[in-house]
Amino acid sequence: QVQLVESGGGSVQAGGSLRLSCAASGYTYSPKYMGWFRQAPGKEREGVAATSISSTLYSDSVKGRFNISQDNTKKMVYLRMNSLKPEDTAMYYCAAGTARSINSWLMYPRMNDNTWGQGTQVTVSS
């Protein structure tokens, strides 16, 4: 059974940093795309960062502040978040799946058949 488990969320002050981790299990192959999405109360889930074997992609709102990385040996995906802002406050979800392109996978999560983690809360106070 394919499973994604996130960890590393928490509460920080603006300007602080956090690192999220996602452990994948049950895969007999490496998913084409893995990455992170977030959902704030009252808002739709949005893509944050994605990674594939050959590229990475970030949303404009986090570009330059967040860094996504993966360790295929350990089947882990990480999201290093620096210079956090109150507007980064959300539930962060790890996901894995496929799409026509990394851009499509990150920007249109509803269109893709993804596996999702249970989420980890990130709260940034001003």
PDB file of N, CA and C in Angstrom:
ATOM      1  N   GLN A   1       0.842  -1.184   0.000  1.00  0.00           N
ATOM      2  CA  GLN A   1       0.000   0.000   0.000  1.00  0.00           C
ATOM      3  C   GLN A   1       0.886   1.247   0.000  1.00  0.00           C
ATOM      4  N   VAL A   2       0.640   2.131  -0.956  1.00  0.00           N
ATOM      5  CA  VAL A   2       1.425   3.353  -1.063  1.00  0.00           C
ATOM      6  C   VAL A   2       1.030   4.314   0.057  1.00  0.00           C
ATOM      7  N   GLN A   3       2.028   4.894   0.681  1.00  0.00           N
ATOM      8  CA  GLN A   3       1.758   5.794   1.797  1.00  0.00           C
ATOM      9  C   GLN A   3       2.788   6.910   1.836  1.00  0.00           C
ATOM     10  N   LEU A   4       2.331   8.112   2.173  1.00  0.00           N
ATOM     11  CA  LEU A   4       3.202   9.266   2.367  1.00  0.00           C
ATOM     12  C   LEU A   4       2.956   9.807   3.766  1.00  0.00           C
ATOM     13  N   VAL A   5       4.031  10.030   4.517  1.00  0.00           N
ATOM     14  CA  VAL A   5       3.905  10.521   5.882  1.00  0.00           C
ATOM     15  C   VAL A   5       4.786  11.748   6.051  1.00  0.00           C
ATOM     16  N   GLU A   6       4.148  12.869   6.394  1.00  0.00           N
ATOM     17  CA  GLU A   6       4.882  14.122   6.575  1.00  0.00           C
ATOM     18  C   GLU A   6       5.280  14.312   8.040  1.00  0.00           C
ATOM     19  N   SER A   7       6.307  15.101   8.241  1.00  0.00           N
ATOM     20  CA  SER A   7       6.717  15.511   9.579  1.00  0.00           C
ATOM     21  C   SER A   7       7.488  16.818   9.470  1.00  0.00           C
ATOM     22  N   GLY A   8       7.673  17.487  10.593  1.00  0.00           N
ATOM     23  CA  GLY A   8       8.505  18.683  10.621  1.00  0.00           C
ATOM     24  C   GLY A   8       7.771  20.001  10.720  1.00  0.00           C
ATOM     25  N   GLY A   9       6.459  19.974  10.701  1.00  0.00           N
ATOM     26  CA  GLY A   9       5.721  21.225  10.844  1.00  0.00           C
ATOM     27  C   GLY A   9       5.851  21.785  12.253  1.00  0.00           C
ATOM     28  N   GLY A  10       5.335  22.984  12.445  1.00  0.00           N
ATOM     29  CA  GLY A  10       5.380  23.603  13.757  1.00  0.00           C
ATOM     30  C   GLY A  10       5.066  25.076  13.681  1.00  0.00           C
ATOM     31  N   SER A  11       5.374  25.770  14.754  1.00  0.00           N
ATOM     32  CA  SER A  11       5.116  27.208  14.852  1.00  0.00           C
ATOM     33  C   SER A  11       6.432  27.963  14.930  1.00  0.00           C
ATOM     34  N   VAL A  12       6.558  28.985  14.120  1.00  0.00           N
ATOM     35  CA  VAL A  12       7.759  29.811  14.119  1.00  0.00           C
ATOM     36  C   VAL A  12       7.372  31.271  13.962  1.00  0.00           C
ATOM     37  N   GLN A  13       8.280  32.149  14.276  1.00  0.00           N
ATOM     38  CA  GLN A  13       8.058  33.571  14.042  1.00  0.00           C
ATOM     39  C   GLN A  13       8.473  33.916  12.620  1.00  0.00           C
ATOM     40  N   ALA A  14       7.916  34.999  12.126  1.00  0.00           N
ATOM     41  CA  ALA A  14       8.257  35.465  10.787  1.00  0.00           C
ATOM     42  C   ALA A  14       9.772  35.630  10.662  1.00  0.00           C
ATOM     43  N   GLY A  15      10.279  35.184   9.533  1.00  0.00           N
ATOM     44  CA  GLY A  15      11.716  35.225   9.304  1.00  0.00           C
ATOM     45  C   GLY A  15      12.423  33.926   9.660  1.00  0.00           C
ATOM     46  N   GLY A  16      11.735  33.047  10.354  1.00  0.00           N
ATOM     47  CA  GLY A  16      12.315  31.789  10.775  1.00  0.00           C
ATOM     48  C   GLY A  16      12.317  30.746   9.679  1.00  0.00           C
ATOM     49  N   SER A  17      12.783  29.552  10.039  1.00  0.00           N
ATOM     50  CA  SER A  17      12.909  28.461   9.080  1.00  0.00           C
ATOM     51  C   SER A  17      12.336  27.173   9.650  1.00  0.00           C
ATOM     52  N   LEU A  18      11.900  26.322   8.749  1.00  0.00           N
ATOM     53  CA  LEU A  18      11.451  24.975   9.089  1.00  0.00           C
ATOM     54  C   LEU A  18      11.851  24.042   7.956  1.00  0.00           C
ATOM     55  N   ARG A  19      12.000  22.766   8.283  1.00  0.00           N
ATOM     56  CA  ARG A  19      12.205  21.772   7.246  1.00  0.00           C
ATOM     57  C   ARG A  19      11.155  20.681   7.392  1.00  0.00           C
ATOM     58  N   LEU A  20      10.408  20.488   6.327  1.00  0.00           N
ATOM     59  CA  LEU A  20       9.418  19.426   6.282  1.00  0.00           C
ATOM     60  C   LEU A  20      10.027  18.190   5.636  1.00  0.00           C
ATOM     61  N   SER A  21       9.611  17.026   6.120  1.00  0.00           N
ATOM     62  CA  SER A  21      10.065  15.755   5.553  1.00  0.00           C
ATOM     63  C   SER A  21       8.861  14.926   5.147  1.00  0.00           C
ATOM     64  N   CYS A  22       9.054  14.142   4.114  1.00  0.00           N
ATOM     65  CA  CYS A  22       7.993  13.253   3.641  1.00  0.00           C
ATOM     66  C   CYS A  22       8.617  11.889   3.357  1.00  0.00           C
ATOM     67  N   ALA A  23       8.110  10.881   4.039  1.00  0.00           N
ATOM     68  CA  ALA A  23       8.605   9.515   3.857  1.00  0.00           C
ATOM     69  C   ALA A  23       7.614   8.741   3.005  1.00  0.00           C
ATOM     70  N   ALA A  24       8.101   8.194   1.902  1.00  0.00           N
ATOM     71  CA  ALA A  24       7.266   7.412   1.000  1.00  0.00           C
ATOM     72  C   ALA A  24       7.513   5.929   1.221  1.00  0.00           C
ATOM     73  N   SER A  25       6.438   5.166   1.212  1.00  0.00           N
ATOM     74  CA  SER A  25       6.575   3.721   1.354  1.00  0.00           C
ATOM     75  C   SER A  25       5.565   3.025   0.458  1.00  0.00           C
ATOM     76  N   GLY A  26       5.846   1.775   0.134  1.00  0.00           N
ATOM     77  CA  GLY A  26       4.921   0.989  -0.663  1.00  0.00           C
ATOM     78  C   GLY A  26       5.101   1.128  -2.156  1.00  0.00           C
ATOM     79  N   TYR A  27       6.032   1.972  -2.575  1.00  0.00           N
ATOM     80  CA  TYR A  27       6.256   2.142  -4.011  1.00  0.00           C
ATOM     81  C   TYR A  27       7.216   1.063  -4.530  1.00  0.00           C
ATOM     82  N   THR A  28       6.861   0.493  -5.671  1.00  0.00           N
ATOM     83  CA  THR A  28       7.776  -0.423  -6.349  1.00  0.00           C
ATOM     84  C   THR A  28       8.517   0.306  -7.455  1.00  0.00           C
ATOM     85  N   TYR A  29       8.167   1.569  -7.665  1.00  0.00           N
ATOM     86  CA  TYR A  29       8.823   2.405  -8.645  1.00  0.00           C
ATOM     87  C   TYR A  29       8.872   3.823  -8.078  1.00  0.00           C
ATOM     88  N   SER A  30       9.667   4.691  -8.649  1.00  0.00           N
ATOM     89  CA  SER A  30       9.716   6.079  -8.193  1.00  0.00           C
ATOM     90  C   SER A  30       8.634   6.884  -8.899  1.00  0.00           C
ATOM     91  N   PRO A  31       7.773   7.576  -8.147  1.00  0.00           N
ATOM     92  CA  PRO A  31       6.764   8.418  -8.795  1.00  0.00           C
ATOM     93  C   PRO A  31       7.418   9.452  -9.701  1.00  0.00           C
ATOM     94  N   LYS A  32       6.727   9.822 -10.774  1.00  0.00           N
ATOM     95  CA  LYS A  32       7.295  10.778 -11.714  1.00  0.00           C
ATOM     96  C   LYS A  32       7.508  12.133 -11.038  1.00  0.00           C
ATOM     97  N   TYR A  33       6.526  12.565 -10.254  1.00  0.00           N
ATOM     98  CA  TYR A  33       6.632  13.849  -9.553  1.00  0.00           C
ATOM     99  C   TYR A  33       6.309  13.642  -8.078  1.00  0.00           C
ATOM    100  N   MET A  34       7.039  14.360  -7.264  1.00  0.00           N
ATOM    101  CA  MET A  34       6.739  14.440  -5.841  1.00  0.00           C
ATOM    102  C   MET A  34       6.880  15.895  -5.428  1.00  0.00           C
ATOM    103  N   GLY A  35       6.153  16.253  -4.405  1.00  0.00           N
ATOM    104  CA  GLY A  35       6.262  17.644  -3.998  1.00  0.00           C
ATOM    105  C   GLY A  35       5.346  18.000  -2.863  1.00  0.00           C
ATOM    106  N   TRP A  36       5.155  19.299  -2.717  1.00  0.00           N
ATOM    107  CA  TRP A  36       4.416  19.840  -1.584  1.00  0.00           C
ATOM    108  C   TRP A  36       3.329  20.803  -2.041  1.00  0.00           C
ATOM    109  N   PHE A  37       2.199  20.673  -1.369  1.00  0.00           N
ATOM    110  CA  PHE A  37       1.072  21.568  -1.561  1.00  0.00           C
ATOM    111  C   PHE A  37       0.697  22.125  -0.197  1.00  0.00           C
ATOM    112  N   ARG A  38      -0.067  23.179  -0.195  1.00  0.00           N
ATOM    113  CA  ARG A  38      -0.535  23.724   1.075  1.00  0.00           C
ATOM    114  C   ARG A  38      -1.956  24.239   0.940  1.00  0.00           C
ATOM    115  N   GLN A  39      -2.639  24.252   2.059  1.00  0.00           N
ATOM    116  CA  GLN A  39      -4.013  24.740   2.071  1.00  0.00           C
ATOM    117  C   GLN A  39      -4.251  25.518   3.353  1.00  0.00           C
ATOM    118  N   ALA A  40      -4.586  26.788   3.181  1.00  0.00           N
ATOM    119  CA  ALA A  40      -4.932  27.641   4.309  1.00  0.00           C
ATOM    120  C   ALA A  40      -6.441  27.606   4.505  1.00  0.00           C
ATOM    121  N   PRO A  41      -6.923  27.900   5.702  1.00  0.00           N
ATOM    122  CA  PRO A  41      -8.378  27.890   5.943  1.00  0.00           C
ATOM    123  C   PRO A  41      -9.120  28.795   4.965  1.00  0.00           C
ATOM    124  N   GLY A  42     -10.159  28.251   4.355  1.00  0.00           N
ATOM    125  CA  GLY A  42     -10.960  29.026   3.430  1.00  0.00           C
ATOM    126  C   GLY A  42     -10.378  29.197   2.053  1.00  0.00           C
ATOM    127  N   LYS A  43      -9.233  28.581   1.808  1.00  0.00           N
ATOM    128  CA  LYS A  43      -8.586  28.716   0.501  1.00  0.00           C
ATOM    129  C   LYS A  43      -8.423  27.351  -0.151  1.00  0.00           C
ATOM    130  N   GLU A  44      -8.225  27.378  -1.459  1.00  0.00           N
ATOM    131  CA  GLU A  44      -8.002  26.139  -2.181  1.00  0.00           C
ATOM    132  C   GLU A  44      -6.567  25.649  -1.971  1.00  0.00           C
ATOM    133  N   ARG A  45      -6.396  24.343  -2.165  1.00  0.00           N
ATOM    134  CA  ARG A  45      -5.052  23.779  -2.077  1.00  0.00           C
ATOM    135  C   ARG A  45      -4.219  24.308  -3.242  1.00  0.00           C
ATOM    136  N   GLU A  46      -2.993  24.727  -2.933  1.00  0.00           N
ATOM    137  CA  GLU A  46      -2.132  25.276  -3.971  1.00  0.00           C
ATOM    138  C   GLU A  46      -0.779  24.579  -3.967  1.00  0.00           C
ATOM    139  N   GLY A  47      -0.188  24.517  -5.136  1.00  0.00           N
ATOM    140  CA  GLY A  47       1.127  23.912  -5.263  1.00  0.00           C
ATOM    141  C   GLY A  47       2.201  24.823  -4.703  1.00  0.00           C
ATOM    142  N   VAL A  48       3.185  24.217  -4.036  1.00  0.00           N
ATOM    143  CA  VAL A  48       4.289  24.966  -3.450  1.00  0.00           C
ATOM    144  C   VAL A  48       5.589  24.645  -4.185  1.00  0.00           C
ATOM    145  N   ALA A  49       5.926  23.369  -4.267  1.00  0.00           N
ATOM    146  CA  ALA A  49       7.177  22.971  -4.911  1.00  0.00           C
ATOM    147  C   ALA A  49       7.059  21.538  -5.400  1.00  0.00           C
ATOM    148  N   ALA A  50       7.713  21.261  -6.511  1.00  0.00           N
ATOM    149  CA  ALA A  50       7.686  19.929  -7.102  1.00  0.00           C
ATOM    150  C   ALA A  50       9.082  19.533  -7.547  1.00  0.00           C
ATOM    151  N   THR A  51       9.316  18.229  -7.559  1.00  0.00           N
ATOM    152  CA  THR A  51      10.593  17.731  -8.022  1.00  0.00           C
ATOM    153  C   THR A  51      10.390  16.477  -8.862  1.00  0.00           C
ATOM    154  N   SER A  52      11.241  16.320  -9.859  1.00  0.00           N
ATOM    155  CA  SER A  52      11.273  15.102 -10.656  1.00  0.00           C
ATOM    156  C   SER A  52      12.727  14.670 -10.748  1.00  0.00           C
ATOM    157  N   ILE A  53      12.980  13.653 -11.551  1.00  0.00           N
ATOM    158  CA  ILE A  53      14.351  13.173 -11.666  1.00  0.00           C
ATOM    159  C   ILE A  53      15.253  14.219 -12.310  1.00  0.00           C
ATOM    160  N   SER A  54      14.651  15.170 -13.049  1.00  0.00           N
ATOM    161  CA  SER A  54      15.480  16.106 -13.813  1.00  0.00           C
ATOM    162  C   SER A  54      15.218  17.571 -13.533  1.00  0.00           C
ATOM    163  N   SER A  55      14.199  17.901 -12.732  1.00  0.00           N
ATOM    164  CA  SER A  55      13.896  19.315 -12.568  1.00  0.00           C
ATOM    165  C   SER A  55      13.147  19.586 -11.273  1.00  0.00           C
ATOM    166  N   THR A  56      13.094  20.850 -10.923  1.00  0.00           N
ATOM    167  CA  THR A  56      12.293  21.315  -9.794  1.00  0.00           C
ATOM    168  C   THR A  56      11.487  22.522 -10.243  1.00  0.00           C
ATOM    169  N   LEU A  57      10.409  22.768  -9.529  1.00  0.00           N
ATOM    170  CA  LEU A  57       9.546  23.895  -9.855  1.00  0.00           C
ATOM    171  C   LEU A  57       8.981  24.454  -8.560  1.00  0.00           C
ATOM    172  N   TYR A  58       8.896  25.770  -8.496  1.00  0.00           N
ATOM    173  CA  TYR A  58       8.362  26.439  -7.317  1.00  0.00           C
ATOM    174  C   TYR A  58       7.258  27.406  -7.715  1.00  0.00           C
ATOM    175  N   SER A  59       6.323  27.592  -6.812  1.00  0.00           N
ATOM    176  CA  SER A  59       5.337  28.635  -7.031  1.00  0.00           C
ATOM    177  C   SER A  59       6.021  29.987  -6.848  1.00  0.00           C
ATOM    178  N   ASP A  60       5.481  30.994  -7.476  1.00  0.00           N
ATOM    179  CA  ASP A  60       6.081  32.332  -7.391  1.00  0.00           C
ATOM    180  C   ASP A  60       6.145  32.827  -5.952  1.00  0.00           C
ATOM    181  N   SER A  61       5.187  32.430  -5.140  1.00  0.00           N
ATOM    182  CA  SER A  61       5.116  32.946  -3.772  1.00  0.00           C
ATOM    183  C   SER A  61       6.230  32.432  -2.871  1.00  0.00           C
ATOM    184  N   VAL A  62       6.875  31.330  -3.249  1.00  0.00           N
ATOM    185  CA  VAL A  62       7.925  30.769  -2.396  1.00  0.00           C
ATOM    186  C   VAL A  62       9.287  30.736  -3.071  1.00  0.00           C
ATOM    187  N   LYS A  63       9.339  31.094  -4.336  1.00  0.00           N
ATOM    188  CA  LYS A  63      10.591  31.036  -5.086  1.00  0.00           C
ATOM    189  C   LYS A  63      11.650  31.897  -4.407  1.00  0.00           C
ATOM    190  N   GLY A  64      12.819  31.323  -4.235  1.00  0.00           N
ATOM    191  CA  GLY A  64      13.907  32.038  -3.577  1.00  0.00           C
ATOM    192  C   GLY A  64      13.939  31.865  -2.075  1.00  0.00           C
ATOM    193  N   ARG A  65      12.862  31.361  -1.493  1.00  0.00           N
ATOM    194  CA  ARG A  65      12.804  31.146  -0.043  1.00  0.00           C
ATOM    195  C   ARG A  65      12.752  29.673   0.332  1.00  0.00           C
ATOM    196  N   PHE A  66      12.096  28.870  -0.494  1.00  0.00           N
ATOM    197  CA  PHE A  66      11.939  27.448  -0.214  1.00  0.00           C
ATOM    198  C   PHE A  66      12.844  26.638  -1.139  1.00  0.00           C
ATOM    199  N   ASN A  67      13.248  25.468  -0.645  1.00  0.00           N
ATOM    200  CA  ASN A  67      14.063  24.562  -1.454  1.00  0.00           C
ATOM    201  C   ASN A  67      13.563  23.136  -1.282  1.00  0.00           C
ATOM    202  N   ILE A  68      13.279  22.476  -2.400  1.00  0.00           N
ATOM    203  CA  ILE A  68      12.824  21.094  -2.364  1.00  0.00           C
ATOM    204  C   ILE A  68      13.971  20.174  -2.755  1.00  0.00           C
ATOM    205  N   SER A  69      14.060  19.050  -2.072  1.00  0.00           N
ATOM    206  CA  SER A  69      15.084  18.067  -2.396  1.00  0.00           C
ATOM    207  C   SER A  69      14.537  16.674  -2.135  1.00  0.00           C
ATOM    208  N   GLN A  70      15.191  15.684  -2.734  1.00  0.00           N
ATOM    209  CA  GLN A  70      14.737  14.315  -2.527  1.00  0.00           C
ATOM    210  C   GLN A  70      15.920  13.387  -2.398  1.00  0.00           C
ATOM    211  N   ASP A  71      15.690  12.328  -1.658  1.00  0.00           N
ATOM    212  CA  ASP A  71      16.683  11.280  -1.478  1.00  0.00           C
ATOM    213  C   ASP A  71      16.021   9.994  -1.937  1.00  0.00           C
ATOM    214  N   ASN A  72      16.302   9.588  -3.173  1.00  0.00           N
ATOM    215  CA  ASN A  72      15.621   8.418  -3.731  1.00  0.00           C
ATOM    216  C   ASN A  72      15.990   7.127  -2.998  1.00  0.00           C
ATOM    217  N   THR A  73      17.201   7.091  -2.467  1.00  0.00           N
ATOM    218  CA  THR A  73      17.618   5.885  -1.738  1.00  0.00           C
ATOM    219  C   THR A  73      16.750   5.675  -0.514  1.00  0.00           C
ATOM    220  N   LYS A  74      16.492   6.761   0.191  1.00  0.00           N
ATOM    221  CA  LYS A  74      15.688   6.690   1.402  1.00  0.00           C
ATOM    222  C   LYS A  74      14.209   6.927   1.133  1.00  0.00           C
ATOM    223  N   LYS A  75      13.880   7.238  -0.135  1.00  0.00           N
ATOM    224  CA  LYS A  75      12.497   7.529  -0.515  1.00  0.00           C
ATOM    225  C   LYS A  75      11.935   8.653   0.356  1.00  0.00           C
ATOM    226  N   MET A  76      12.686   9.740   0.420  1.00  0.00           N
ATOM    227  CA  MET A  76      12.299  10.901   1.202  1.00  0.00           C
ATOM    228  C   MET A  76      12.263  12.136   0.307  1.00  0.00           C
ATOM    229  N   VAL A  77      11.358  13.037   0.631  1.00  0.00           N
ATOM    230  CA  VAL A  77      11.316  14.341  -0.004  1.00  0.00           C
ATOM    231  C   VAL A  77      11.305  15.388   1.104  1.00  0.00           C
ATOM    232  N   TYR A  78      12.072  16.445   0.902  1.00  0.00           N
ATOM    233  CA  TYR A  78      12.194  17.469   1.922  1.00  0.00           C
ATOM    234  C   TYR A  78      11.783  18.827   1.351  1.00  0.00           C
ATOM    235  N   LEU A  79      11.331  19.701   2.248  1.00  0.00           N
ATOM    236  CA  LEU A  79      11.058  21.077   1.875  1.00  0.00           C
ATOM    237  C   LEU A  79      11.684  21.973   2.936  1.00  0.00           C
ATOM    238  N   ARG A  80      12.741  22.661   2.541  1.00  0.00           N
ATOM    239  CA  ARG A  80      13.385  23.608   3.432  1.00  0.00           C
ATOM    240  C   ARG A  80      12.728  24.966   3.208  1.00  0.00           C
ATOM    241  N   MET A  81      12.190  25.536   4.275  1.00  0.00           N
ATOM    242  CA  MET A  81      11.474  26.798   4.175  1.00  0.00           C
ATOM    243  C   MET A  81      12.202  27.859   4.976  1.00  0.00           C
ATOM    244  N   ASN A  82      12.688  28.860   4.286  1.00  0.00           N
ATOM    245  CA  ASN A  82      13.402  29.970   4.913  1.00  0.00           C
ATOM    246  C   ASN A  82      12.608  31.260   4.782  1.00  0.00           C
ATOM    247  N   SER A  83      12.977  32.236   5.590  1.00  0.00           N
ATOM    248  CA  SER A  83      12.333  33.552   5.540  1.00  0.00           C
ATOM    249  C   SER A  83      10.814  33.427   5.554  1.00  0.00           C
ATOM    250  N   LEU A  84      10.324  32.642   6.468  1.00  0.00           N
ATOM    251  CA  LEU A  84       8.885  32.372   6.516  1.00  0.00           C
ATOM    252  C   LEU A  84       8.089  33.632   6.821  1.00  0.00           C
ATOM    253  N   LYS A  85       6.918  33.696   6.212  1.00  0.00           N
ATOM    254  CA  LYS A  85       6.016  34.832   6.366  1.00  0.00           C
ATOM    255  C   LYS A  85       4.696  34.349   6.953  1.00  0.00           C
ATOM    256  N   PRO A  86       3.945  35.229   7.597  1.00  0.00           N
ATOM    257  CA  PRO A  86       2.625  34.805   8.114  1.00  0.00           C
ATOM    258  C   PRO A  86       1.733  34.207   7.035  1.00  0.00           C
ATOM    259  N   GLU A  87       1.846  34.683   5.824  1.00  0.00           N
ATOM    260  CA  GLU A  87       1.012  34.142   4.741  1.00  0.00           C
ATOM    261  C   GLU A  87       1.423  32.743   4.312  1.00  0.00           C
ATOM    262  N   ASP A  88       2.520  32.220   4.850  1.00  0.00           N
ATOM    263  CA  ASP A  88       2.897  30.833   4.605  1.00  0.00           C
ATOM    264  C   ASP A  88       2.155  29.876   5.530  1.00  0.00           C
ATOM    265  N   THR A  89       1.418  30.415   6.482  1.00  0.00           N
ATOM    266  CA  THR A  89       0.666  29.579   7.415  1.00  0.00           C
ATOM    267  C   THR A  89      -0.368  28.751   6.666  1.00  0.00           C
ATOM    268  N   ALA A  90      -0.318  27.429   6.869  1.00  0.00           N
ATOM    269  CA  ALA A  90      -1.211  26.505   6.155  1.00  0.00           C
ATOM    270  C   ALA A  90      -0.933  25.087   6.604  1.00  0.00           C
ATOM    271  N   MET A  91      -1.795  24.181   6.189  1.00  0.00           N
ATOM    272  CA  MET A  91      -1.515  22.758   6.287  1.00  0.00           C
ATOM    273  C   MET A  91      -0.731  22.387   5.037  1.00  0.00           C
ATOM    274  N   TYR A  92       0.404  21.757   5.236  1.00  0.00           N
ATOM    275  CA  TYR A  92       1.264  21.365   4.126  1.00  0.00           C
ATOM    276  C   TYR A  92       1.127  19.858   3.874  1.00  0.00           C
ATOM    277  N   TYR A  93       0.912  19.526   2.603  1.00  0.00           N
ATOM    278  CA  TYR A  93       0.707  18.142   2.207  1.00  0.00           C
ATOM    279  C   TYR A  93       1.786  17.687   1.244  1.00  0.00           C
ATOM    280  N   CYS A  94       2.301  16.513   1.480  1.00  0.00           N
ATOM    281  CA  CYS A  94       3.191  15.862   0.532  1.00  0.00           C
ATOM    282  C   CYS A  94       2.335  15.093  -0.466  1.00  0.00           C
ATOM    283  N   ALA A  95       2.769  15.057  -1.705  1.00  0.00           N
ATOM    284  CA  ALA A  95       2.018  14.344  -2.733  1.00  0.00           C
ATOM    285  C   ALA A  95       2.969  13.699  -3.721  1.00  0.00           C
ATOM    286  N   ALA A  96       2.461  12.680  -4.379  1.00  0.00           N
ATOM    287  CA  ALA A  96       3.222  11.991  -5.421  1.00  0.00           C
ATOM    288  C   ALA A  96       2.266  11.586  -6.528  1.00  0.00           C
ATOM    289  N   GLY A  97       2.713  11.689  -7.772  1.00  0.00           N
ATOM    290  CA  GLY A  97       1.858  11.301  -8.880  1.00  0.00           C
ATOM    291  C   GLY A  97       2.494  11.607 -10.207  1.00  0.00           C
ATOM    292  N   THR A  98       1.654  11.670 -11.223  1.00  0.00           N
ATOM    293  CA  THR A  98       2.147  11.929 -12.569  1.00  0.00           C
ATOM    294  C   THR A  98       1.239  12.930 -13.269  1.00  0.00           C
ATOM    295  N   ALA A  99       1.740  13.534 -14.285  1.00  0.00           N
ATOM    296  CA  ALA A  99       0.989  14.517 -15.072  1.00  0.00           C
ATOM    297  C   ALA A  99       1.726  14.700 -16.389  1.00  0.00           C
ATOM    298  N   ARG A 100       1.148  15.531 -17.258  1.00  0.00           N
ATOM    299  CA  ARG A 100       1.779  15.767 -18.559  1.00  0.00           C
ATOM    300  C   ARG A 100       3.077  16.540 -18.422  1.00  0.00           C
ATOM    301  N   SER A 101       3.173  17.354 -17.393  1.00  0.00           N
ATOM    302  CA  SER A 101       4.376  18.141 -17.175  1.00  0.00           C
ATOM    303  C   SER A 101       4.477  18.487 -15.704  1.00  0.00           C
ATOM    304  N   ILE A 102       5.649  18.869 -15.258  1.00  0.00           N
ATOM    305  CA  ILE A 102       5.813  19.241 -13.861  1.00  0.00           C
ATOM    306  C   ILE A 102       4.986  20.483 -13.538  1.00  0.00           C
ATOM    307  N   ASN A 103       4.865  21.359 -14.517  1.00  0.00           N
ATOM    308  CA  ASN A 103       4.053  22.564 -14.319  1.00  0.00           C
ATOM    309  C   ASN A 103       2.594  22.187 -14.107  1.00  0.00           C
ATOM    310  N   SER A 104       2.087  21.286 -14.943  1.00  0.00           N
ATOM    311  CA  SER A 104       0.702  20.846 -14.816  1.00  0.00           C
ATOM    312  C   SER A 104       0.474  20.148 -13.492  1.00  0.00           C
ATOM    313  N   TRP A 105       1.436  19.341 -13.067  1.00  0.00           N
ATOM    314  CA  TRP A 105       1.281  18.595 -11.822  1.00  0.00           C
ATOM    315  C   TRP A 105       1.191  19.539 -10.632  1.00  0.00           C
ATOM    316  N   LEU A 106       2.029  20.576 -10.633  1.00  0.00           N
ATOM    317  CA  LEU A 106       2.064  21.470  -9.488  1.00  0.00           C
ATOM    318  C   LEU A 106       0.905  22.480  -9.499  1.00  0.00           C
ATOM    319  N   MET A 107       0.590  22.976 -10.675  1.00  0.00           N
ATOM    320  CA  MET A 107      -0.397  24.050 -10.755  1.00  0.00           C
ATOM    321  C   MET A 107      -1.845  23.559 -10.728  1.00  0.00           C
ATOM    322  N   TYR A 108      -2.103  22.312 -11.142  1.00  0.00           N
ATOM    323  CA  TYR A 108      -3.477  21.819 -11.242  1.00  0.00           C
ATOM    324  C   TYR A 108      -3.626  20.484 -10.514  1.00  0.00           C
ATOM    325  N   PRO A 109      -3.493  20.492  -9.179  1.00  0.00           N
ATOM    326  CA  PRO A 109      -3.529  19.220  -8.444  1.00  0.00           C
ATOM    327  C   PRO A 109      -4.841  18.461  -8.593  1.00  0.00           C
ATOM    328  N   ARG A 110      -5.935  19.161  -8.790  1.00  0.00           N
ATOM    329  CA  ARG A 110      -7.224  18.479  -8.902  1.00  0.00           C
ATOM    330  C   ARG A 110      -7.317  17.627 -10.159  1.00  0.00           C
ATOM    331  N   MET A 111      -6.500  17.923 -11.145  1.00  0.00           N
ATOM    332  CA  MET A 111      -6.579  17.209 -12.424  1.00  0.00           C
ATOM    333  C   MET A 111      -5.774  15.918 -12.416  1.00  0.00           C
ATOM    334  N   ASN A 112      -5.018  15.687 -11.374  1.00  0.00           N
ATOM    335  CA  ASN A 112      -4.113  14.544 -11.355  1.00  0.00           C
ATOM    336  C   ASN A 112      -4.493  13.547 -10.268  1.00  0.00           C
ATOM    337  N   ASP A 113      -4.205  12.304 -10.513  1.00  0.00           N
ATOM    338  CA  ASP A 113      -4.479  11.239  -9.560  1.00  0.00           C
ATOM    339  C   ASP A 113      -3.272  11.081  -8.663  1.00  0.00           C
ATOM    340  N   ASN A 114      -3.265  11.819  -7.569  1.00  0.00           N
ATOM    341  CA  ASN A 114      -2.122  11.825  -6.666  1.00  0.00           C
ATOM    342  C   ASN A 114      -2.362  10.985  -5.421  1.00  0.00           C
ATOM    343  N   THR A 115      -1.282  10.564  -4.826  1.00  0.00           N
ATOM    344  CA  THR A 115      -1.301  10.030  -3.477  1.00  0.00           C
ATOM    345  C   THR A 115      -0.938  11.179  -2.542  1.00  0.00           C
ATOM    346  N   TRP A 116      -1.685  11.310  -1.449  1.00  0.00           N
ATOM    347  CA  TRP A 116      -1.494  12.431  -0.535  1.00  0.00           C
ATOM    348  C   TRP A 116      -1.121  11.942   0.864  1.00  0.00           C
ATOM    349  N   GLY A 117      -0.311  12.743   1.540  1.00  0.00           N
ATOM    350  CA  GLY A 117      -0.063  12.505   2.941  1.00  0.00           C
ATOM    351  C   GLY A 117      -1.177  13.105   3.780  1.00  0.00           C
ATOM    352  N   GLN A 118      -1.061  12.949   5.087  1.00  0.00           N
ATOM    353  CA  GLN A 118      -2.111  13.426   5.978  1.00  0.00           C
ATOM    354  C   GLN A 118      -1.970  14.904   6.308  1.00  0.00           C
ATOM    355  N   GLY A 119      -0.825  15.479   6.009  1.00  0.00           N
ATOM    356  CA  GLY A 119      -0.606  16.905   6.230  1.00  0.00           C
ATOM    357  C   GLY A 119       0.132  17.197   7.521  1.00  0.00           C
ATOM    358  N   THR A 120       0.847  18.317   7.512  1.00  0.00           N
ATOM    359  CA  THR A 120       1.520  18.804   8.712  1.00  0.00           C
ATOM    360  C   THR A 120       1.329  20.316   8.774  1.00  0.00           C
ATOM    361  N   GLN A 121       0.968  20.816   9.939  1.00  0.00           N
ATOM    362  CA  GLN A 121       0.617  22.219  10.089  1.00  0.00           C
ATOM    363  C   GLN A 121       1.865  23.096  10.245  1.00  0.00           C
ATOM    364  N   VAL A 122       1.870  24.190   9.505  1.00  0.00           N
ATOM    365  CA  VAL A 122       2.907  25.211   9.641  1.00  0.00           C
ATOM    366  C   VAL A 122       2.223  26.519  10.013  1.00  0.00           C
ATOM    367  N   THR A 123       2.641  27.114  11.117  1.00  0.00           N
ATOM    368  CA  THR A 123       2.066  28.374  11.577  1.00  0.00           C
ATOM    369  C   THR A 123       3.189  29.395  11.763  1.00  0.00           C
ATOM    370  N   VAL A 124       3.048  30.531  11.084  1.00  0.00           N
ATOM    371  CA  VAL A 124       4.058  31.583  11.155  1.00  0.00           C
ATOM    372  C   VAL A 124       3.420  32.818  11.784  1.00  0.00           C
ATOM    373  N   SER A 125       3.971  33.261  12.884  1.00  0.00           N
ATOM    374  CA  SER A 125       3.422  34.417  13.583  1.00  0.00           C
ATOM    375  C   SER A 125       4.250  35.658  13.267  1.00  0.00           C
ATOM    376  N   SER A 126       3.567  36.796  13.286  1.00  0.00           N
ATOM    377  CA  SER A 126       4.245  38.060  12.954  1.00  0.00           C
ATOM    378  C   SER A 126       4.882  38.691  14.177  1.00  0.00           C
TER     379      SER A 126
END
